[in-house]
Structures are given as structure tokens and as C-alpha cells.
Amino acid sequence: MKFSTRFAEALNHSGFSQKELANALNIAESNITNWKKGENLPSVDLLYKLCILLDESSDYLLGLKDDN
């Protein structure tokens, strides 16, 4: 699976809205939308923060492993 698919699923299960996650990361909500669409990827710093907030491993989100 691609990052966009795994990220969207993790976000849906997290309890965060896109706006809440964007605020927690101090980024524009459009970044979240673009990640879900697969138009771009988060920086390494943001990926680290995403993993903590969403309680997912980077290997899972990036498709390197099938389980988190």
C-alpha cells in the first residue's frame, strides 16, 4: 500500500480530524489533504511527529512492513 492510503486509514482510526492534526503539527490543513491524495509526502520531521500522534510506525506508514 502507498503512504497516502495508510496515512488516510491511520487518520480515520486516530480520532483526529484533519484540522486537529494540522493544528497539532503546526501546518496548513491542505498539507494533510495533499498527503491523503498522494500529491506529496511529509518531511522526516513531520513523519516522526505523525508516528507519535497517530501511534503508527514509520515502516508501516511508508509501506515497508504490513503491521504497525
Protein backbone atom coordinates (compact mmCIF):
# COMPACT_ATOMS: atom_id res chain seq x y z
CA MET A 1 0.00 0.00 0.00
CA LYS A 2 1.03 3.55 -0.59
CA PHE A 3 1.69 6.11 2.14
CA SER A 4 -1.45 8.03 1.19
CA THR A 5 -3.70 5.01 1.79
CA ARG A 6 -2.08 4.01 5.06
CA PHE A 7 -2.00 7.58 6.30
CA ALA A 8 -5.70 8.09 5.50
CA GLU A 9 -6.60 4.88 7.33
CA ALA A 10 -4.48 5.80 10.34
CA LEU A 11 -6.04 9.26 10.46
CA ASN A 12 -9.55 7.80 10.31
CA HIS A 13 -8.77 5.50 13.24
CA SER A 14 -6.96 8.14 15.28
CA GLY A 15 -9.89 10.26 16.38
CA PHE A 16 -8.19 13.37 14.97
CA SER A 17 -9.90 15.49 12.36
CA GLN A 18 -7.72 16.83 9.56
CA LYS A 19 -7.91 20.27 11.14
CA GLU A 20 -6.92 18.97 14.59
CA LEU A 21 -3.96 17.06 13.17
CA ALA A 22 -2.82 20.06 11.14
CA ASN A 23 -3.01 22.23 14.27
CA ALA A 24 -1.05 19.66 16.30
CA LEU A 25 1.65 19.63 13.60
CA ASN A 26 1.52 23.42 13.12
CA ILE A 27 0.93 23.07 9.37
CA ALA A 28 -1.82 24.02 6.93
CA GLU A 29 -4.73 21.62 6.61
CA SER A 30 -4.05 21.50 2.86
CA ASN A 31 -0.86 19.53 3.63
CA ILE A 32 -2.99 16.79 5.20
CA THR A 33 -5.26 16.78 2.14
CA ASN A 34 -2.26 16.53 -0.18
CA TRP A 35 -0.81 13.59 1.78
CA LYS A 36 -4.15 11.78 1.59
CA LYS A 37 -4.29 12.39 -2.18
CA GLY A 38 -0.72 11.19 -2.61
CA GLU A 39 0.36 14.51 -4.07
CA ASN A 40 3.34 14.81 -1.73
CA LEU A 41 4.89 13.31 1.39
CA PRO A 42 5.65 14.76 4.81
CA SER A 43 9.17 15.75 5.75
CA VAL A 44 11.11 13.40 8.00
CA ASP A 45 10.42 15.69 10.98
CA LEU A 46 6.69 15.66 10.29
CA LEU A 47 6.68 11.91 9.67
CA TYR A 48 8.25 11.44 13.11
CA LYS A 49 5.55 13.59 14.72
CA LEU A 50 2.82 11.80 12.73
CA CYS A 51 4.00 8.44 14.02
CA ILE A 52 3.75 9.66 17.59
CA LEU A 53 0.36 11.35 17.17
CA LEU A 54 -1.21 8.53 15.15
CA ASP A 55 0.51 5.77 17.16
CA GLU A 56 1.82 4.13 13.98
CA SER A 57 5.32 3.09 12.95
CA SER A 58 7.06 4.85 10.10
CA ASP A 59 7.76 1.46 8.50
CA TYR A 60 4.03 0.77 8.40
CA LEU A 61 3.06 4.21 7.06
CA LEU A 62 5.76 4.02 4.38
CA GLY A 63 4.74 0.52 3.34
CA LEU A 64 7.94 -1.20 4.47
CA LYS A 65 6.03 -3.50 6.83
CA ASP A 66 2.46 -4.75 6.83
CA ASP A 67 1.88 -4.31 10.54
CA ASN A 68 2.47 -1.33 12.78
